[in-house]
Amino acid sequence: MGVTIERDGRGVAHCFRCNMTESYRPKHGASVVSRAKSVPVPLQARKYDELSDYGRALWSETQPLAGVAVAYLEARRCHIPPVDSDLRFHPRLKHPSGYVGPALVGLITDALTGRPLSLHRTWVDADGNKADVDPPRLLLGRHRKQGGVIRLWPDEAVTYGLGIAEGIETALSLAWAHGPVWSLIDAGNLAVFPYLRGIESIVIAADNDPAGKVAARTCAVRWADAGAEVVVTRQLENDLNDTLQEGLCKKKQ
């Protein structure tokens, strides 16, 4: 029970169990009895611990990389992954802004179990450039990302060694020298990337920013402590893909 008394003697009593409110005035006694209107509590948006039905339906609409998707990757000096890659192409994917156009779609799976978690989408235009939408890259909302990877090469191709990087383009740049490769999506996932039994060597393409450096070092220590051979790449530009594109621009000049 809660009671509020004003300076003029008026008061309001509220029972929290039955939700009844009663008002009192000193001259007239109890004059108003009412039940508070129930206020609906908004439900929290559902969060998915694995890929939702919507995500699975979207993934089922994708195709092997082709056309503008390949043009986009080639323009960025990326190695084209195999046909059984978890990076595919959607010819007409709707952006939250309303734009509909081609997109690269990456399936994010749990690094240990392979369970589908979410999707990573990159919209491109007809010329193979990033589409003029904001933002051009998006993860599925309310889906788990932590602990996930984009298997740019399938598990069967990963035997002795593996190359990893944050971004898709950076990982595919690394693939020219150290394949097979996976994308870890961001620094947070790179930092917690677990040691995978059976892999003896790992190459980490570190982004040249504070978060990227810390994540690469954290991952490298974990794998080294597990007995793996570890190589961490470094470059002057932000990431390895920037380095390759910078080299291409200089060659054209």
Protein backbone atom coordinates (compact mmCIF):
# COMPACT_ATOMS: atom_id res chain seq x y z
CA MET A 1 0.00 0.00 0.00
CA GLY A 2 1.21 3.48 -0.87
CA VAL A 3 -0.24 6.70 0.64
CA THR A 4 0.42 10.25 -0.56
CA ILE A 5 -0.73 13.17 1.68
CA GLU A 6 -0.81 16.75 0.37
CA ARG A 7 -0.34 19.91 2.52
CA ASP A 8 -4.09 20.66 2.49
CA GLY A 9 -4.87 17.27 3.97
CA ARG A 10 -5.94 15.57 0.78
CA GLY A 11 -4.54 12.13 0.22
CA VAL A 12 -4.37 9.29 -2.25
CA ALA A 13 -4.02 5.64 -1.25
CA HIS A 14 -2.95 3.05 -3.82
CA CYS A 15 -2.98 -0.71 -3.35
CA PHE A 16 -0.29 -2.30 -5.47
CA ARG A 17 -1.82 -5.78 -5.08
CA CYS A 18 -5.32 -5.08 -6.41
CA ASN A 19 -4.37 -1.89 -8.29
CA MET A 20 -7.15 0.14 -6.56
CA THR A 21 -6.72 3.88 -6.00
CA GLU A 22 -8.80 5.82 -3.41
CA SER A 23 -8.76 9.61 -2.93
CA TYR A 24 -9.56 11.37 0.36
CA ARG A 25 -10.56 14.96 1.14
CA PRO A 26 -10.62 16.17 4.79
CA LYS A 27 -14.18 17.73 4.67
CA HIS A 28 -16.00 15.21 2.57
CA GLY A 29 -14.31 11.94 3.42
CA ALA A 30 -13.70 9.33 0.81
CA SER A 31 -15.05 10.68 -2.41
CA VAL A 32 -13.38 8.93 -5.32
CA VAL A 33 -12.65 5.26 -5.76
CA SER A 34 -11.13 4.12 -9.00
CA ARG A 35 -9.01 1.42 -10.51
CA ALA A 36 -5.98 2.56 -12.38
CA LYS A 37 -6.01 1.85 -16.06
CA SER A 38 -3.62 -0.88 -16.99
CA VAL A 39 -0.79 0.39 -19.16
CA PRO A 40 0.42 -2.12 -21.74
CA VAL A 41 4.10 -2.95 -21.39
CA PRO A 42 5.80 -3.07 -24.78
CA LEU A 43 7.27 -6.45 -25.59
CA GLN A 44 11.01 -6.48 -26.18
CA ALA A 45 12.02 -7.16 -29.75
CA ARG A 46 12.85 -10.83 -30.13
CA LYS A 47 16.52 -11.68 -30.39
CA TYR A 48 17.61 -14.69 -32.38
CA ASP A 49 20.36 -17.01 -31.17
CA GLU A 50 20.41 -18.65 -34.58
CA LEU A 51 19.38 -17.73 -38.10
CA SER A 52 15.66 -16.89 -38.21
CA ASP A 53 13.15 -18.25 -40.72
CA TYR A 54 13.38 -14.91 -42.55
CA GLY A 55 17.16 -15.22 -42.73
CA ARG A 56 16.98 -18.81 -43.96
CA ALA A 57 14.48 -17.82 -46.65
CA LEU A 58 16.73 -14.97 -47.77
CA TRP A 59 19.77 -17.26 -47.89
CA SER A 60 17.82 -19.78 -49.98
CA GLU A 61 17.31 -17.05 -52.60
CA THR A 62 21.06 -16.49 -53.09
CA GLN A 63 23.13 -17.78 -55.99
CA PRO A 64 26.82 -18.55 -56.55
CA LEU A 65 28.92 -15.43 -57.07
CA ALA A 66 28.54 -14.03 -60.58
CA GLY A 67 28.13 -10.83 -62.59
CA VAL A 68 28.39 -7.59 -60.62
CA ALA A 69 29.30 -9.49 -57.44
CA VAL A 70 32.44 -10.85 -59.10
CA ALA A 71 33.12 -7.44 -60.68
CA TYR A 72 32.95 -5.84 -57.22
CA LEU A 73 35.47 -8.30 -55.77
CA GLU A 74 37.82 -8.16 -58.74
CA ALA A 75 37.88 -4.35 -58.64
CA ARG A 76 39.15 -4.66 -55.08
CA ARG A 77 41.85 -7.17 -55.97
CA CYS A 78 40.04 -9.93 -54.08
CA HIS A 79 40.60 -13.62 -54.69
CA ILE A 80 37.30 -15.15 -55.82
CA PRO A 81 36.28 -17.86 -53.34
CA PRO A 82 35.15 -21.34 -54.45
CA VAL A 83 31.58 -22.08 -55.51
CA ASP A 84 30.80 -23.78 -52.18
CA SER A 85 31.78 -20.64 -50.25
CA ASP A 86 29.47 -19.09 -47.67
CA LEU A 87 29.68 -15.86 -49.67
CA ARG A 88 26.97 -15.73 -52.32
CA PHE A 89 25.00 -13.33 -54.52
CA HIS A 90 21.44 -12.01 -54.33
CA PRO A 91 20.24 -10.32 -57.57
CA ARG A 92 17.50 -8.16 -56.00
CA LEU A 93 17.82 -7.62 -52.27
CA LYS A 94 15.80 -4.93 -50.51
CA HIS A 95 17.69 -2.41 -48.37
CA PRO A 96 15.94 -0.82 -45.33
CA SER A 97 15.98 2.48 -47.24
CA GLY A 98 13.72 0.92 -49.88
CA TYR A 99 16.48 0.47 -52.48
CA VAL A 100 16.38 -2.87 -54.28
CA GLY A 101 19.49 -4.13 -56.02
CA PRO A 102 22.22 -6.77 -56.20
CA ALA A 103 24.10 -7.69 -53.04
CA LEU A 104 26.78 -10.00 -51.75
CA VAL A 105 25.42 -12.10 -48.88
CA GLY A 106 27.68 -13.84 -46.38
CA LEU A 107 26.36 -16.59 -44.11
CA ILE A 108 27.64 -16.16 -40.55
CA THR A 109 28.07 -19.49 -38.77
CA ASP A 110 29.33 -20.45 -35.33
CA ALA A 111 33.10 -20.93 -35.52
CA LEU A 112 32.97 -24.18 -33.54
CA THR A 113 29.67 -25.82 -34.47
CA GLY A 114 28.94 -24.35 -37.91
CA ARG A 115 25.40 -23.45 -36.81
CA PRO A 116 23.92 -20.60 -38.94
CA LEU A 117 23.66 -17.39 -36.90
CA SER A 118 23.12 -14.38 -39.17
CA LEU A 119 23.76 -12.80 -42.56
CA HIS A 120 26.16 -10.08 -43.71
CA ARG A 121 24.95 -8.07 -46.73
CA THR A 122 26.86 -5.72 -49.05
CA TRP A 123 24.84 -3.86 -51.70
CA VAL A 124 26.54 -3.13 -55.03
CA ASP A 125 25.47 -1.25 -58.14
CA ALA A 126 25.35 -2.33 -61.77
CA ASP A 127 28.97 -1.25 -62.29
CA GLY A 128 30.33 -3.36 -59.45
CA ASN A 129 30.78 -0.48 -57.01
CA LYS A 130 29.20 -0.16 -53.59
CA ALA A 131 25.59 0.91 -54.00
CA ASP A 132 24.68 4.49 -53.11
CA VAL A 133 22.77 3.52 -49.96
CA ASP A 134 23.48 4.24 -46.31
CA PRO A 135 24.91 2.04 -45.03
CA PRO A 136 25.97 -0.22 -47.92
CA ARG A 137 26.81 -3.02 -45.47
CA LEU A 138 24.41 -4.46 -42.91
CA LEU A 139 24.05 -7.41 -40.58
CA LEU A 140 20.62 -8.87 -39.90
CA GLY A 141 19.09 -7.03 -36.97
CA ARG A 142 18.51 -8.81 -33.64
CA HIS A 143 20.69 -11.76 -34.70
CA ARG A 144 23.71 -13.07 -32.82
CA LYS A 145 27.10 -12.25 -34.32
CA GLN A 146 29.52 -13.04 -31.52
CA GLY A 147 31.52 -16.19 -32.09
CA GLY A 148 30.57 -16.26 -35.76
CA VAL A 149 32.63 -16.41 -38.95
CA ILE A 150 31.99 -16.28 -42.68
CA ARG A 151 33.50 -19.46 -44.08
CA LEU A 152 34.83 -18.13 -47.39
CA TRP A 153 36.29 -21.59 -47.88
CA PRO A 154 34.40 -24.64 -46.55
CA ASP A 155 35.61 -26.70 -43.60
CA GLU A 156 36.74 -29.49 -45.93
CA ALA A 157 39.30 -27.14 -47.50
CA VAL A 158 40.79 -26.17 -44.14
CA THR A 159 43.45 -28.76 -43.33
CA TYR A 160 46.90 -27.68 -42.17
CA GLY A 161 46.47 -23.90 -42.08
CA LEU A 162 43.91 -21.07 -42.14
CA GLY A 163 44.02 -17.34 -42.89
CA ILE A 164 41.68 -14.98 -41.05
CA ALA A 165 40.83 -11.27 -41.14
CA GLU A 166 38.06 -8.97 -39.98
CA GLY A 167 36.47 -7.93 -43.28
CA ILE A 168 35.47 -10.07 -46.24
CA GLU A 169 37.58 -8.10 -48.71
CA THR A 170 40.63 -8.20 -46.43
CA ALA A 171 40.33 -11.97 -46.02
CA LEU A 172 39.99 -12.45 -49.79
CA SER A 173 43.07 -10.28 -50.31
CA LEU A 174 44.98 -12.53 -47.90
CA ALA A 175 43.82 -15.55 -49.91
CA TRP A 176 46.23 -14.68 -52.73
CA ALA A 177 49.09 -15.78 -50.48
CA HIS A 178 47.53 -17.68 -47.57
CA GLY A 179 44.36 -19.59 -48.39
CA PRO A 180 41.93 -20.92 -47.36
CA VAL A 181 40.51 -17.92 -45.48
CA TRP A 182 37.60 -16.94 -43.27
CA SER A 183 36.19 -13.52 -42.39
CA LEU A 184 35.67 -12.76 -38.69
CA ILE A 185 33.46 -9.72 -39.50
CA ASP A 186 34.94 -7.33 -36.93
CA ALA A 187 37.60 -6.86 -34.25
CA GLY A 188 35.34 -8.15 -31.50
CA ASN A 189 34.94 -11.52 -33.20
CA LEU A 190 38.62 -11.70 -34.10
CA ALA A 191 39.59 -11.17 -30.46
CA VAL A 192 37.50 -14.12 -29.26
CA PHE A 193 38.16 -16.47 -32.22
CA PRO A 194 38.75 -19.85 -30.56
CA TYR A 195 41.56 -22.29 -31.23
CA LEU A 196 40.36 -25.00 -33.62
CA ARG A 197 41.85 -28.44 -33.08
CA GLY A 198 43.72 -29.86 -36.03
CA ILE A 199 44.79 -26.54 -37.53
CA GLU A 200 48.55 -26.20 -37.08
CA SER A 201 49.12 -22.77 -38.63
CA ILE A 202 47.16 -19.53 -38.73
CA VAL A 203 47.82 -16.26 -40.56
CA ILE A 204 46.07 -13.18 -39.16
CA ALA A 205 45.67 -10.13 -41.42
CA ALA A 206 45.50 -7.41 -38.78
CA ASP A 207 43.74 -4.10 -39.42
CA ASN A 208 46.03 -1.14 -38.75
CA ASP A 209 43.89 0.56 -36.10
CA PRO A 210 43.95 0.27 -32.29
CA ALA A 211 41.04 -2.18 -32.06
CA GLY A 212 42.38 -4.29 -34.92
CA LYS A 213 45.87 -4.50 -33.44
CA VAL A 214 44.61 -5.50 -30.00
CA ALA A 215 42.25 -8.10 -31.48
CA ALA A 216 44.97 -9.63 -33.65
CA ARG A 217 47.40 -9.79 -30.74
CA THR A 218 44.79 -11.38 -28.45
CA CYS A 219 43.94 -14.00 -31.06
CA ALA A 220 47.61 -14.65 -31.84
CA VAL A 221 48.46 -15.29 -28.18
CA ARG A 222 45.55 -17.73 -27.81
CA TRP A 223 46.62 -19.77 -30.83
CA ALA A 224 50.31 -19.65 -29.94
CA ASP A 225 49.54 -20.88 -26.41
CA ALA A 226 47.67 -23.79 -28.01
CA GLY A 227 50.82 -24.72 -29.94
CA ALA A 228 49.94 -23.34 -33.38
CA GLU A 229 52.33 -21.53 -35.68
CA VAL A 230 51.11 -17.92 -35.87
CA VAL A 231 51.87 -15.19 -38.42
CA VAL A 232 50.40 -11.67 -38.14
CA THR A 233 50.57 -9.41 -41.21
CA ARG A 234 51.02 -5.66 -40.89
CA GLN A 235 50.83 -2.82 -43.40
CA LEU A 236 50.89 0.97 -43.51
CA GLU A 237 47.31 1.25 -44.80
CA ASN A 238 44.25 0.43 -42.70
CA ASP A 239 44.04 -3.16 -43.92
CA LEU A 240 45.55 -5.57 -46.41
CA ASN A 241 42.88 -4.89 -49.02
CA ASP A 242 43.65 -1.15 -48.88
CA THR A 243 47.30 -2.03 -49.53
CA LEU A 244 46.45 -4.06 -52.62
CA GLN A 245 44.16 -1.36 -53.99
CA GLU A 246 46.79 1.31 -53.34
CA GLY A 247 49.31 -0.77 -55.26
CA LEU A 248 46.89 -1.14 -58.17
CA CYS A 249 46.33 2.63 -58.31
CA LYS A 250 50.08 3.31 -58.38
CA LYS A 251 50.57 0.75 -61.14
CA LYS A 252 47.88 2.46 -63.27
CA GLN A 253 49.59 5.82 -62.80
